[in-house]
Amino acid sequence: MTEARLTELELICAAHPGHRSSALILECVADIRRLQKRSAKRSGFTPPSVEDVEALFTAGKVFRNGSAAVQARAFVDHYLSNGWRVGRVPMTDWQAAARGWERRAAEKVAPMMARSSEPRM
């Protein structure tokens, strides 16, 4: 829950006609904060930095000759623009998504390498 949404809920809570006493308002705000902590625990996902993704790509064997840094930046930019979502579902494991990114890149390179080794007529 964002700070703006929390502030909005606090204002709604304070403006509620049944909450005339400050004790009820504080109780309502405490409930809102409890909900915020619970939703933060459920998500548990923290987006990776470019350096984290680059370290994972460098450890793999797909990206060579310095392309790990370029691909790491592309990976982070792609998912950052999508709100760290895979389709419509929020991402839960960025390492798995990065491994998939690597696998798809390897599949794109493999057919090109196979064609280049064929003898020309």
C-alpha atoms as a PDB file:
ATOM      1  CA  MET A   1       0.000   0.000   0.000  1.00  0.00           C
ATOM      2  CA  THR A   2       1.486   3.343  -0.994  1.00  0.00           C
ATOM      3  CA  GLU A   3       1.957   6.263   1.358  1.00  0.00           C
ATOM      4  CA  ALA A   4      -0.555   8.312  -0.628  1.00  0.00           C
ATOM      5  CA  ARG A   5      -3.177   5.571  -0.263  1.00  0.00           C
ATOM      6  CA  LEU A   6      -2.406   5.263   3.459  1.00  0.00           C
ATOM      7  CA  THR A   7      -2.813   9.023   3.907  1.00  0.00           C
ATOM      8  CA  GLU A   8      -6.070   8.884   1.971  1.00  0.00           C
ATOM      9  CA  LEU A   9      -7.379   6.114   4.231  1.00  0.00           C
ATOM     10  CA  GLU A  10      -6.299   8.040   7.329  1.00  0.00           C
ATOM     11  CA  LEU A  11      -8.237  11.101   6.122  1.00  0.00           C
ATOM     12  CA  ILE A  12     -11.321   9.006   5.366  1.00  0.00           C
ATOM     13  CA  CYS A  13     -11.031   7.388   8.777  1.00  0.00           C
ATOM     14  CA  ALA A  14     -10.686  10.760  10.507  1.00  0.00           C
ATOM     15  CA  ALA A  15     -13.646  12.189   8.589  1.00  0.00           C
ATOM     16  CA  HIS A  16     -15.908   9.259   9.452  1.00  0.00           C
ATOM     17  CA  PRO A  17     -18.804  10.544  11.606  1.00  0.00           C
ATOM     18  CA  GLY A  18     -18.496   7.633  14.031  1.00  0.00           C
ATOM     19  CA  HIS A  19     -14.884   8.512  14.826  1.00  0.00           C
ATOM     20  CA  ARG A  20     -15.332  11.633  16.876  1.00  0.00           C
ATOM     21  CA  SER A  21     -12.844  10.678  19.559  1.00  0.00           C
ATOM     22  CA  SER A  22      -9.108  10.626  18.945  1.00  0.00           C
ATOM     23  CA  ALA A  23      -8.883   7.133  20.464  1.00  0.00           C
ATOM     24  CA  LEU A  24     -11.113   5.686  17.734  1.00  0.00           C
ATOM     25  CA  ILE A  25      -9.135   7.512  15.050  1.00  0.00           C
ATOM     26  CA  LEU A  26      -5.854   6.123  16.433  1.00  0.00           C
ATOM     27  CA  GLU A  27      -7.368   2.645  16.545  1.00  0.00           C
ATOM     28  CA  CYS A  28      -8.480   2.970  12.925  1.00  0.00           C
ATOM     29  CA  VAL A  29      -5.012   4.192  11.863  1.00  0.00           C
ATOM     30  CA  ALA A  30      -3.433   1.263  13.726  1.00  0.00           C
ATOM     31  CA  ASP A  31      -5.694  -1.123  11.790  1.00  0.00           C
ATOM     32  CA  ILE A  32      -4.643   0.502   8.508  1.00  0.00           C
ATOM     33  CA  ARG A  33      -0.948   0.150   9.395  1.00  0.00           C
ATOM     34  CA  ARG A  34      -1.481  -3.503  10.365  1.00  0.00           C
ATOM     35  CA  LEU A  35      -3.074  -4.147   6.979  1.00  0.00           C
ATOM     36  CA  GLN A  36      -0.174  -2.397   5.282  1.00  0.00           C
ATOM     37  CA  LYS A  37       2.387  -4.603   7.069  1.00  0.00           C
ATOM     38  CA  ARG A  38       0.431  -7.745   6.240  1.00  0.00           C
ATOM     39  CA  SER A  39       0.260  -6.878   2.533  1.00  0.00           C
ATOM     40  CA  ALA A  40       3.998  -6.077   2.511  1.00  0.00           C
ATOM     41  CA  LYS A  41       4.786  -9.490   4.018  1.00  0.00           C
ATOM     42  CA  ARG A  42       2.651 -11.276   1.433  1.00  0.00           C
ATOM     43  CA  SER A  43       4.358  -9.744  -1.570  1.00  0.00           C
ATOM     44  CA  GLY A  44       7.909 -10.354  -0.345  1.00  0.00           C
ATOM     45  CA  PHE A  45       9.312  -9.460  -3.784  1.00  0.00           C
ATOM     46  CA  THR A  46      12.087  -6.933  -4.041  1.00  0.00           C
ATOM     47  CA  PRO A  47      13.192  -5.928  -7.541  1.00  0.00           C
ATOM     48  CA  PRO A  48      16.835  -6.707  -8.325  1.00  0.00           C
ATOM     49  CA  SER A  49      19.471  -4.171  -9.208  1.00  0.00           C
ATOM     50  CA  VAL A  50      21.202  -4.239 -12.573  1.00  0.00           C
ATOM     51  CA  GLU A  51      24.352  -5.459 -10.792  1.00  0.00           C
ATOM     52  CA  ASP A  52      22.488  -8.468  -9.323  1.00  0.00           C
ATOM     53  CA  VAL A  53      21.140  -9.472 -12.721  1.00  0.00           C
ATOM     54  CA  GLU A  54      24.523  -8.896 -14.359  1.00  0.00           C
ATOM     55  CA  ALA A  55      26.193 -11.174 -11.787  1.00  0.00           C
ATOM     56  CA  LEU A  56      23.666 -13.907 -12.572  1.00  0.00           C
ATOM     57  CA  PHE A  57      24.151 -13.484 -16.339  1.00  0.00           C
ATOM     58  CA  THR A  58      27.948 -13.428 -15.996  1.00  0.00           C
ATOM     59  CA  ALA A  59      27.856 -16.712 -14.053  1.00  0.00           C
ATOM     60  CA  GLY A  60      25.945 -18.331 -16.917  1.00  0.00           C
ATOM     61  CA  LYS A  61      27.445 -19.375 -20.242  1.00  0.00           C
ATOM     62  CA  VAL A  62      25.052 -17.679 -22.649  1.00  0.00           C
ATOM     63  CA  PHE A  63      26.157 -14.049 -22.604  1.00  0.00           C
ATOM     64  CA  ARG A  64      29.823 -13.580 -23.527  1.00  0.00           C
ATOM     65  CA  ASN A  65      32.137 -10.742 -24.552  1.00  0.00           C
ATOM     66  CA  GLY A  66      30.581  -8.192 -22.198  1.00  0.00           C
ATOM     67  CA  SER A  67      27.014  -8.715 -23.380  1.00  0.00           C
ATOM     68  CA  ALA A  68      25.952  -9.728 -19.838  1.00  0.00           C
ATOM     69  CA  ALA A  69      25.887  -6.062 -18.774  1.00  0.00           C
ATOM     70  CA  VAL A  70      23.844  -5.062 -21.822  1.00  0.00           C
ATOM     71  CA  GLN A  71      21.378  -7.930 -21.348  1.00  0.00           C
ATOM     72  CA  ALA A  72      21.083  -7.225 -17.609  1.00  0.00           C
ATOM     73  CA  ARG A  73      20.150  -3.610 -18.361  1.00  0.00           C
ATOM     74  CA  ALA A  74      17.642  -4.800 -20.994  1.00  0.00           C
ATOM     75  CA  PHE A  75      16.137  -7.312 -18.534  1.00  0.00           C
ATOM     76  CA  VAL A  76      15.704  -4.720 -15.774  1.00  0.00           C
ATOM     77  CA  ASP A  77      14.348  -2.104 -18.198  1.00  0.00           C
ATOM     78  CA  HIS A  78      11.859  -4.568 -19.672  1.00  0.00           C
ATOM     79  CA  TYR A  79      10.409  -5.689 -16.360  1.00  0.00           C
ATOM     80  CA  LEU A  80      10.599  -2.209 -14.844  1.00  0.00           C
ATOM     81  CA  SER A  81       8.419  -0.924 -17.679  1.00  0.00           C
ATOM     82  CA  ASN A  82       5.970  -3.788 -17.050  1.00  0.00           C
ATOM     83  CA  GLY A  83       5.765  -3.124 -13.317  1.00  0.00           C
ATOM     84  CA  TRP A  84       7.693  -6.322 -12.502  1.00  0.00           C
ATOM     85  CA  ARG A  85       4.863  -8.438 -13.855  1.00  0.00           C
ATOM     86  CA  VAL A  86       4.988 -11.645 -15.865  1.00  0.00           C
ATOM     87  CA  GLY A  87       1.937 -11.310 -18.059  1.00  0.00           C
ATOM     88  CA  ARG A  88      -0.714 -10.100 -15.633  1.00  0.00           C
ATOM     89  CA  VAL A  89       0.754 -11.795 -12.578  1.00  0.00           C
ATOM     90  CA  PRO A  90       3.185  -9.981 -10.244  1.00  0.00           C
ATOM     91  CA  MET A  91       6.694 -11.436 -10.392  1.00  0.00           C
ATOM     92  CA  THR A  92       7.695 -13.552  -7.403  1.00  0.00           C
ATOM     93  CA  ASP A  93      11.138 -14.858  -8.450  1.00  0.00           C
ATOM     94  CA  TRP A  94      13.333 -12.645 -10.608  1.00  0.00           C
ATOM     95  CA  GLN A  95      16.100 -15.284 -10.803  1.00  0.00           C
ATOM     96  CA  ALA A  96      13.712 -17.680 -12.558  1.00  0.00           C
ATOM     97  CA  ALA A  97      12.691 -14.927 -14.973  1.00  0.00           C
ATOM     98  CA  ALA A  98      16.372 -14.179 -15.652  1.00  0.00           C
ATOM     99  CA  ARG A  99      17.088 -17.856 -16.342  1.00  0.00           C
ATOM    100  CA  GLY A 100      14.192 -17.860 -18.802  1.00  0.00           C
ATOM    101  CA  TRP A 101      15.624 -14.719 -20.425  1.00  0.00           C
ATOM    102  CA  GLU A 102      18.961 -16.529 -20.802  1.00  0.00           C
ATOM    103  CA  ARG A 103      17.324 -19.686 -22.166  1.00  0.00           C
ATOM    104  CA  ARG A 104      15.383 -17.753 -24.802  1.00  0.00           C
ATOM    105  CA  ALA A 105      18.559 -15.898 -25.822  1.00  0.00           C
ATOM    106  CA  ALA A 106      20.403 -19.222 -26.187  1.00  0.00           C
ATOM    107  CA  GLU A 107      17.570 -20.595 -28.337  1.00  0.00           C
ATOM    108  CA  LYS A 108      17.841 -17.569 -30.640  1.00  0.00           C
ATOM    109  CA  VAL A 109      21.612 -17.996 -31.023  1.00  0.00           C
ATOM    110  CA  ALA A 110      21.639 -21.802 -31.517  1.00  0.00           C
ATOM    111  CA  PRO A 111      19.869 -21.884 -34.928  1.00  0.00           C
ATOM    112  CA  MET A 112      22.159 -19.161 -36.282  1.00  0.00           C
ATOM    113  CA  MET A 113      25.274 -21.096 -35.222  1.00  0.00           C
ATOM    114  CA  ALA A 114      23.952 -24.336 -36.753  1.00  0.00           C
ATOM    115  CA  ARG A 115      23.334 -22.622 -40.089  1.00  0.00           C
ATOM    116  CA  SER A 116      26.759 -20.998 -40.193  1.00  0.00           C
ATOM    117  CA  SER A 117      28.539 -24.372 -39.833  1.00  0.00           C
ATOM    118  CA  GLU A 118      26.821 -25.878 -42.866  1.00  0.00           C
ATOM    119  CA  PRO A 119      29.024 -26.099 -45.993  1.00  0.00           C
ATOM    120  CA  ARG A 120      28.198 -23.709 -48.792  1.00  0.00           C
ATOM    121  CA  MET A 121      27.459 -24.979 -52.266  1.00  0.00           C
END
